[in-house]
Structures are given as structure tokens and as C-alpha cells.
Amino acid sequence: MNPYDYRWLNGQIICNQEENTPLWTRHSLNFANSFSGRLIGDSPVMADYCFPRGIKRAPLAILLHGMGGKNPAHCQRIAQTLARQGIASVILYLVFNIKRLPSSIRAKYPKLTAEEWFESYQYSVIDVRQIVDWAQTRAEIDTNKICVIGYSFGSFISSIAMAVDKRIKAGVLIESGGNSGKMTKHSAVMRWTYKQDANQYRRDQELYTQYLQEVEKKGFENLVAPRDSYLMDPLTFSCDLRGRPLLMVSALFDEMIPRVSTLDFWKANGKPPLYWYPSTHSSLWVWYPWFSRRLIDFLKASFDGSNK
């Protein structure tokens, strides 16, 4: 069973022009979500669509911010870089963004139940897939050249969305990792919030390893996951990412996502290009002028087929 399956509603899409500059035309997008969670409720899809000026038909990058993302400034910065290269972008406001987060969830965020976390992933992955649906109705978008670019939480969602939707041709994963149990145990921040008993941790890792072996043989959609958390873990989806165009960018001193978790994910993905920068989780963006060049080179190579 695939928890990220859905039925495209293809309902009314509100697309309002917000800005017209020498760089781009920017529109706001708003439409009903095909997924309505029992716990989180209805949360319409919200996004900014930026199309470069002077371009008739452009590739599309779907940009996903980190946890919370009150002001997705990093995504806006990437969108500007892409527009200068003739690449359109959609900045997707994920369900935890202040613009979308329901008041019932906002009151207790980030201390959510396991079920609420699972719903948030379902919302987010299905959001991305609906943006791809919408893109396929737009004559100005080259739908053979769609990619995802995600940062932190957005990179987890990007990994899963790309794995379950083959229409997404390439992915850039900024500060990503896999194996959430190991991530929590070794994270300088999360290990104090989510303390783990050593014996329980060992048993959990053994169970997850067994599950991953079954996924390799049968595919995740043909199995019943022992825990919903396995279906929120990017590592579960590595067998559907391996061999596809990926670029990873990580921080050497990341206090949120430990190096061991990033390396596990990188190896499982077939060791795609991975660049490390001497920074913490939040200060990685100091290095954006450097890794943005690699990002553009990677996307151009992916779109022309040389990354296959």
C-alpha cells in the first residue's frame, strides 16, 4: 500500500499575478488538496509560481523549505538563481508553514503525535505531486524537465516525492539524511529531546534493517510497514532513487542531521555527488554562492540527459 497515492481533483486553481519584474512574472497559486487528513483537516495547497521573463518554455523546479518556514527566504533565493538561468520554479508552502498550519496543530507544534506527523508527510508529498499535475496543464512548462529542490525537512519530502513519482526527473537534497532512529540518536539537538533506551534502539535498528531488506526485494508498496515512521524515512525510498539524477549538499558541523545519517542515505542512493561545506545546519547558506553554481550545472546536465 502506498500512503502517497491520491486522486487528482483537478478543481478550480486560483492563479493570481502578484509581481511583474525584469526577472520574472510571479503568481500565487491556491487550490484544494486531494488529501484531507483526519487529524490535520483540510489545508489548501499554497505556492508561488515564478516564471522567467523572455522564455517561451522552461524547465520547472519545485522548491521545498525547511520545518516551519515562516519566510522561505532560501527558496526565494534559489528561485532567483534559477530564473536567471531560464528555469521556472514553484515555491511550495508546506503544511507546517504559518500560512497553512491549522490553529489546532499550531497550538501544540512541534509536539505532535506519530499519527499527526505521518499525516503531515502525506500532505506534503501529495502537495508536490499535485504541483506536477498542475504543471502538466501549462503549455509554458517543459514537463519532461521537472525537478525538486528541498532543504532539511523539505529534502525529506523531496526524496519521497521523487521516489514515488517518476515524472520528477532530478532532485537536489540540501541537508538530508536517512534512518530517523539513527538520526535522532546521533543528532546533537534531537538526542536530548527524544531520548532512547540503548536496548530498544538496537531492537528498532534490527527491525528497520529487516524491513529495508524486504523493501529491496518487493518494493515498499507491496509490504505492510511495521511502523508508519518507516514510511516517513527517506532511507526507505532509496531503492527508487538509486541511479536517478541526485545532488546532495550537506553541512560538516550539522547539529540537526548527523553525518552518519547523511552518509547512510548517500550510500543507499548509489553515492551520488555529495558536497560538504564547513558550516552548521543554519549557516550552510553562507556558502550558497559556491554551491549554487554546482546546483545549476547539475540541473542543466540532468535536463539534457548527461546525468543519466
Protein backbone atom coordinates (compact mmCIF):
# COMPACT_ATOMS: atom_id res chain seq x y z
CA MET A 1 0.00 0.00 0.00
CA ASN A 2 1.27 3.44 -0.97
CA PRO A 3 0.14 6.13 1.52
CA TYR A 4 1.11 8.79 -1.03
CA ASP A 5 -1.40 7.72 -3.66
CA TYR A 6 -4.24 10.17 -4.32
CA ARG A 7 -6.86 11.18 -6.84
CA TRP A 8 -6.15 14.46 -8.61
CA LEU A 9 -9.20 16.64 -8.06
CA ASN A 10 -8.43 18.93 -11.00
CA GLY A 11 -10.70 21.52 -9.45
CA GLN A 12 -10.53 25.29 -9.54
CA ILE A 13 -6.98 26.60 -9.42
CA ILE A 14 -6.65 30.21 -8.38
CA CYS A 15 -3.63 31.76 -10.09
CA ASN A 16 -3.21 35.48 -9.40
CA GLN A 17 -0.40 37.64 -10.70
CA GLU A 18 1.48 39.23 -7.80
CA GLU A 19 4.63 40.69 -9.33
CA ASN A 20 6.00 41.59 -12.74
CA THR A 21 9.72 42.42 -12.85
CA PRO A 22 12.53 42.31 -15.42
CA LEU A 23 13.49 38.93 -13.92
CA TRP A 24 10.13 37.12 -13.77
CA THR A 25 6.39 37.12 -13.53
CA ARG A 26 5.29 35.79 -10.15
CA HIS A 27 1.85 34.35 -9.44
CA SER A 28 0.26 32.96 -6.28
CA LEU A 29 -1.32 29.53 -6.57
CA ASN A 30 -4.13 28.20 -4.39
CA PHE A 31 -6.19 25.03 -4.85
CA ALA A 32 -7.84 22.27 -2.86
CA ASN A 33 -5.68 19.40 -1.63
CA SER A 34 -6.59 15.92 -2.82
CA PHE A 35 -5.68 14.64 0.63
CA SER A 36 -7.77 15.56 3.65
CA GLY A 37 -6.30 14.34 6.90
CA ARG A 38 -8.42 13.07 9.76
CA LEU A 39 -6.25 14.90 12.31
CA ILE A 40 -4.92 17.94 10.49
CA GLY A 41 -8.04 18.57 8.40
CA ASP A 42 -8.31 20.49 5.14
CA SER A 43 -5.33 22.57 4.16
CA PRO A 44 -5.45 24.09 0.65
CA VAL A 45 -2.27 24.00 -1.41
CA MET A 46 -0.46 27.35 -1.46
CA ALA A 47 2.54 28.24 -3.61
CA ASP A 48 4.34 30.98 -5.52
CA TYR A 49 4.93 30.40 -9.21
CA CYS A 50 7.86 32.26 -10.73
CA PHE A 51 8.33 32.20 -14.50
CA PRO A 52 11.43 33.78 -16.07
CA ARG A 53 10.95 36.67 -18.47
CA GLY A 54 11.81 36.18 -22.11
CA ILE A 55 11.38 32.40 -22.02
CA LYS A 56 8.68 30.58 -24.01
CA ARG A 57 9.05 27.10 -22.49
CA ALA A 58 11.03 26.38 -19.35
CA PRO A 59 12.03 23.51 -17.04
CA LEU A 60 10.39 23.60 -13.61
CA ALA A 61 11.91 23.27 -10.13
CA ILE A 62 9.62 22.63 -7.15
CA LEU A 63 11.24 24.25 -4.09
CA LEU A 64 10.57 22.96 -0.58
CA HIS A 65 11.53 24.85 2.56
CA GLY A 66 12.58 23.52 5.95
CA MET A 67 10.47 22.86 9.03
CA GLY A 68 8.17 25.76 9.79
CA GLY A 69 9.46 28.03 7.07
CA LYS A 70 7.64 31.22 8.10
CA ASN A 71 9.51 33.07 5.38
CA PRO A 72 11.07 30.66 2.88
CA ALA A 73 13.87 33.11 2.05
CA HIS A 74 16.24 30.33 0.96
CA CYS A 75 13.73 29.09 -1.58
CA GLN A 76 13.22 32.62 -2.85
CA ARG A 77 16.95 32.99 -3.27
CA ILE A 78 17.16 29.74 -5.24
CA ALA A 79 14.18 30.81 -7.37
CA GLN A 80 16.01 33.99 -8.38
CA THR A 81 19.11 32.00 -9.33
CA LEU A 82 17.02 29.62 -11.41
CA ALA A 83 15.12 32.40 -13.17
CA ARG A 84 18.39 33.91 -14.35
CA GLN A 85 19.12 30.55 -15.98
CA GLY A 86 15.71 30.33 -17.66
CA ILE A 87 14.26 27.82 -15.16
CA ALA A 88 10.79 28.34 -13.69
CA SER A 89 10.05 27.50 -10.07
CA VAL A 90 7.21 26.83 -7.69
CA ILE A 91 7.87 27.68 -4.04
CA LEU A 92 5.54 25.33 -2.21
CA TYR A 93 4.36 26.37 1.24
CA LEU A 94 4.36 23.10 3.17
CA VAL A 95 1.69 22.22 5.71
CA PHE A 96 3.83 23.46 8.64
CA ASN A 97 4.21 26.92 7.14
CA ILE A 98 2.50 29.62 9.15
CA LYS A 99 0.31 30.43 6.13
CA ARG A 100 -1.22 26.96 6.16
CA LEU A 101 -0.84 25.45 9.61
CA PRO A 102 -4.29 24.87 11.17
CA SER A 103 -4.78 26.51 14.57
CA SER A 104 -5.45 23.13 16.19
CA ILE A 105 -1.98 21.93 15.18
CA ARG A 106 -0.24 25.27 15.67
CA ALA A 107 -1.11 25.22 19.37
CA LYS A 108 0.99 22.10 20.04
CA TYR A 109 3.53 22.13 17.20
CA PRO A 110 6.18 20.65 17.15
CA LYS A 111 5.00 18.21 19.83
CA LEU A 112 2.74 16.22 17.55
CA THR A 113 1.56 12.64 17.77
CA ALA A 114 3.02 9.98 15.49
CA GLU A 115 -0.24 10.00 13.53
CA GLU A 116 -0.12 13.77 13.04
CA TRP A 117 3.47 13.59 11.83
CA PHE A 118 2.51 10.87 9.37
CA GLU A 119 -0.36 12.96 8.03
CA SER A 120 1.98 15.92 7.58
CA TYR A 121 4.19 13.79 5.33
CA GLN A 122 1.19 12.58 3.35
CA TYR A 123 0.03 16.16 2.86
CA SER A 124 3.47 17.34 1.79
CA VAL A 125 4.30 14.57 -0.68
CA ILE A 126 0.85 14.74 -2.25
CA ASP A 127 1.21 18.54 -2.47
CA VAL A 128 4.34 18.06 -4.59
CA ARG A 129 2.63 15.53 -6.82
CA GLN A 130 -0.32 17.88 -7.34
CA ILE A 131 2.05 20.65 -8.39
CA VAL A 132 3.35 18.23 -11.05
CA ASP A 133 -0.26 17.58 -12.11
CA TRP A 134 -0.85 21.31 -12.38
CA ALA A 135 2.41 21.81 -14.32
CA GLN A 136 1.23 19.35 -16.93
CA THR A 137 -1.66 21.69 -17.76
CA ARG A 138 0.74 24.57 -18.52
CA ALA A 139 1.99 24.93 -22.09
CA GLU A 140 4.92 27.10 -20.98
CA ILE A 141 6.42 24.34 -18.79
CA ASP A 142 8.56 21.55 -20.23
CA THR A 143 7.09 18.67 -18.26
CA ASN A 144 9.95 16.37 -19.26
CA LYS A 145 12.21 18.61 -17.17
CA ILE A 146 10.75 18.76 -13.67
CA CYS A 147 12.93 18.55 -10.57
CA VAL A 148 12.63 19.00 -6.81
CA ILE A 149 14.95 21.03 -4.60
CA GLY A 150 14.45 20.57 -0.87
CA TYR A 151 16.14 21.89 2.25
CA SER A 152 16.12 19.99 5.59
CA PHE A 153 12.52 18.80 6.14
CA GLY A 154 11.89 19.81 2.53
CA SER A 155 14.67 17.47 1.42
CA PHE A 156 12.96 14.55 3.17
CA ILE A 157 9.72 15.33 1.35
CA SER A 158 11.61 15.80 -1.93
CA SER A 159 13.21 12.36 -1.58
CA ILE A 160 9.89 10.60 -1.05
CA ALA A 161 8.06 12.56 -3.75
CA MET A 162 10.76 11.84 -6.33
CA ALA A 163 10.78 8.16 -5.38
CA VAL A 164 7.01 7.69 -5.77
CA ASP A 165 6.54 9.96 -8.79
CA LYS A 166 8.72 9.20 -11.80
CA ARG A 167 7.58 12.38 -13.53
CA ILE A 168 10.12 14.12 -11.28
CA LYS A 169 13.36 13.69 -13.18
CA ALA A 170 16.00 15.02 -10.77
CA GLY A 171 16.49 16.06 -7.16
CA VAL A 172 18.70 18.37 -5.14
CA LEU A 173 18.75 17.39 -1.48
CA ILE A 174 20.18 20.05 0.84
CA GLU A 175 20.96 18.86 4.38
CA SER A 176 19.33 15.48 4.09
CA GLY A 177 19.75 12.07 5.64
CA GLY A 178 18.05 8.77 6.32
CA ASN A 179 17.34 6.30 9.13
CA SER A 180 15.38 8.51 11.51
CA GLY A 181 16.26 6.34 14.54
CA LYS A 182 19.97 6.75 13.93
CA MET A 183 19.44 10.41 13.07
CA THR A 184 17.79 11.04 16.42
CA LYS A 185 20.39 9.11 18.39
CA HIS A 186 23.37 10.94 16.89
CA SER A 187 21.87 14.39 16.43
CA ALA A 188 23.40 16.96 18.77
CA VAL A 189 19.93 18.52 19.19
CA MET A 190 17.34 15.76 18.88
CA ARG A 191 19.04 13.17 21.07
CA TRP A 192 18.24 15.27 24.16
CA THR A 193 14.62 15.80 23.16
CA TYR A 194 13.91 12.22 22.09
CA LYS A 195 15.95 10.07 24.46
CA GLN A 196 16.28 6.40 23.54
CA ASP A 197 16.94 3.32 25.62
CA ALA A 198 20.05 1.56 24.25
CA ASN A 199 18.42 -1.86 24.05
CA GLN A 200 15.29 -0.52 22.44
CA TYR A 201 17.38 1.41 19.93
CA ARG A 202 19.24 -1.77 18.97
CA ARG A 203 15.99 -3.70 18.50
CA ASP A 204 14.48 -0.87 16.48
CA GLN A 205 17.50 -0.77 14.19
CA GLU A 206 17.36 -4.52 13.65
CA LEU A 207 13.66 -4.33 12.78
CA TYR A 208 14.21 -1.43 10.38
CA THR A 209 17.14 -3.21 8.70
CA GLN A 210 14.96 -6.28 8.13
CA TYR A 211 12.23 -4.08 6.68
CA LEU A 212 14.67 -2.37 4.29
CA GLN A 213 15.85 -5.76 3.05
CA GLU A 214 12.26 -6.68 2.25
CA VAL A 215 11.70 -3.34 0.53
CA GLU A 216 14.69 -4.05 -1.73
CA LYS A 217 13.12 -7.36 -2.76
CA LYS A 218 9.43 -6.45 -3.02
CA GLY A 219 9.07 -2.66 -3.01
CA PHE A 220 7.61 -0.65 -0.13
CA GLU A 221 4.14 -0.52 -1.69
CA ASN A 222 3.89 -4.33 -1.57
CA LEU A 223 4.60 -4.54 2.15
CA VAL A 224 2.88 -3.60 5.37
CA ALA A 225 5.34 -1.40 7.24
CA PRO A 226 5.75 -2.45 10.90
CA ARG A 227 5.61 1.25 11.79
CA ASP A 228 4.28 4.31 9.98
CA SER A 229 7.58 6.07 10.74
CA TYR A 230 9.27 3.80 8.19
CA LEU A 231 7.12 5.37 5.50
CA MET A 232 8.34 8.83 6.52
CA ASP A 233 12.00 7.87 6.34
CA PRO A 234 13.89 8.84 3.15
CA LEU A 235 16.06 5.73 3.51
CA THR A 236 13.01 3.53 2.86
CA PHE A 237 12.79 5.02 -0.64
CA SER A 238 16.45 4.80 -1.65
CA CYS A 239 15.92 1.82 -3.93
CA ASP A 240 13.60 4.04 -6.04
CA LEU A 241 16.14 6.88 -6.09
CA ARG A 242 19.26 4.87 -6.85
CA GLY A 243 20.61 5.51 -10.33
CA ARG A 244 18.48 8.62 -10.87
CA PRO A 245 19.94 12.16 -11.05
CA LEU A 246 20.61 13.35 -7.48
CA LEU A 247 22.79 16.03 -5.95
CA MET A 248 23.38 16.23 -2.19
CA VAL A 249 24.68 19.25 -0.26
CA SER A 250 25.45 18.95 3.46
CA ALA A 251 26.97 20.79 6.42
CA LEU A 252 30.07 19.34 8.08
CA PHE A 253 29.00 20.51 11.53
CA ASP A 254 25.26 19.94 11.20
CA GLU A 255 23.81 19.75 14.70
CA MET A 256 20.43 18.52 13.42
CA ILE A 257 21.24 15.89 10.80
CA PRO A 258 24.34 13.91 11.81
CA ARG A 259 27.00 12.95 9.29
CA VAL A 260 26.41 9.22 9.82
CA SER A 261 22.77 9.60 8.78
CA THR A 262 23.70 11.57 5.67
CA LEU A 263 26.31 9.00 4.68
CA ASP A 264 23.91 6.08 5.16
CA PHE A 265 21.43 7.79 2.87
CA TRP A 266 24.12 8.72 0.34
CA LYS A 267 25.39 5.13 0.12
CA ALA A 268 21.87 3.73 -0.21
CA ASN A 269 21.21 6.19 -3.05
CA GLY A 270 24.20 4.85 -5.01
CA LYS A 271 26.69 7.52 -3.88
CA PRO A 272 25.51 10.49 -5.97
CA PRO A 273 27.56 13.72 -5.93
CA LEU A 274 27.79 14.95 -2.33
CA TYR A 275 29.38 18.24 -1.35
CA TRP A 276 30.24 19.20 2.24
CA TYR A 277 30.65 22.76 3.48
CA PRO A 278 32.19 23.86 6.82
CA SER A 279 29.01 25.09 8.48
CA THR A 280 26.23 24.28 10.90
CA HIS A 281 22.67 23.45 9.86
CA SER A 282 21.53 27.07 9.53
CA SER A 283 24.82 28.66 8.47
CA LEU A 284 25.14 26.49 5.35
CA TRP A 285 23.54 29.29 3.37
CA VAL A 286 26.67 31.39 3.78
CA TRP A 287 28.09 29.02 1.17
CA TYR A 288 25.20 29.42 -1.26
CA PRO A 289 27.22 31.42 -3.85
CA TRP A 290 29.52 28.39 -4.13
CA PHE A 291 27.07 25.50 -4.14
CA SER A 292 24.54 27.37 -6.32
CA ARG A 293 26.97 27.01 -9.24
CA ARG A 294 27.07 23.27 -8.72
CA LEU A 295 23.28 23.21 -8.44
CA ILE A 296 22.86 24.94 -11.82
CA ASP A 297 25.47 22.74 -13.52
CA PHE A 298 23.76 19.65 -12.13
CA LEU A 299 20.29 20.70 -13.30
CA LYS A 300 21.48 21.58 -16.79
CA ALA A 301 23.23 18.21 -17.09
CA SER A 302 20.15 16.41 -15.75
CA PHE A 303 17.81 18.17 -18.13
CA ASP A 304 19.96 17.47 -21.20
CA GLY A 305 20.37 13.82 -20.17
CA SER A 306 24.09 13.70 -19.42
CA ASN A 307 23.45 12.77 -15.74
CA LYS A 308 21.71 9.50 -16.70
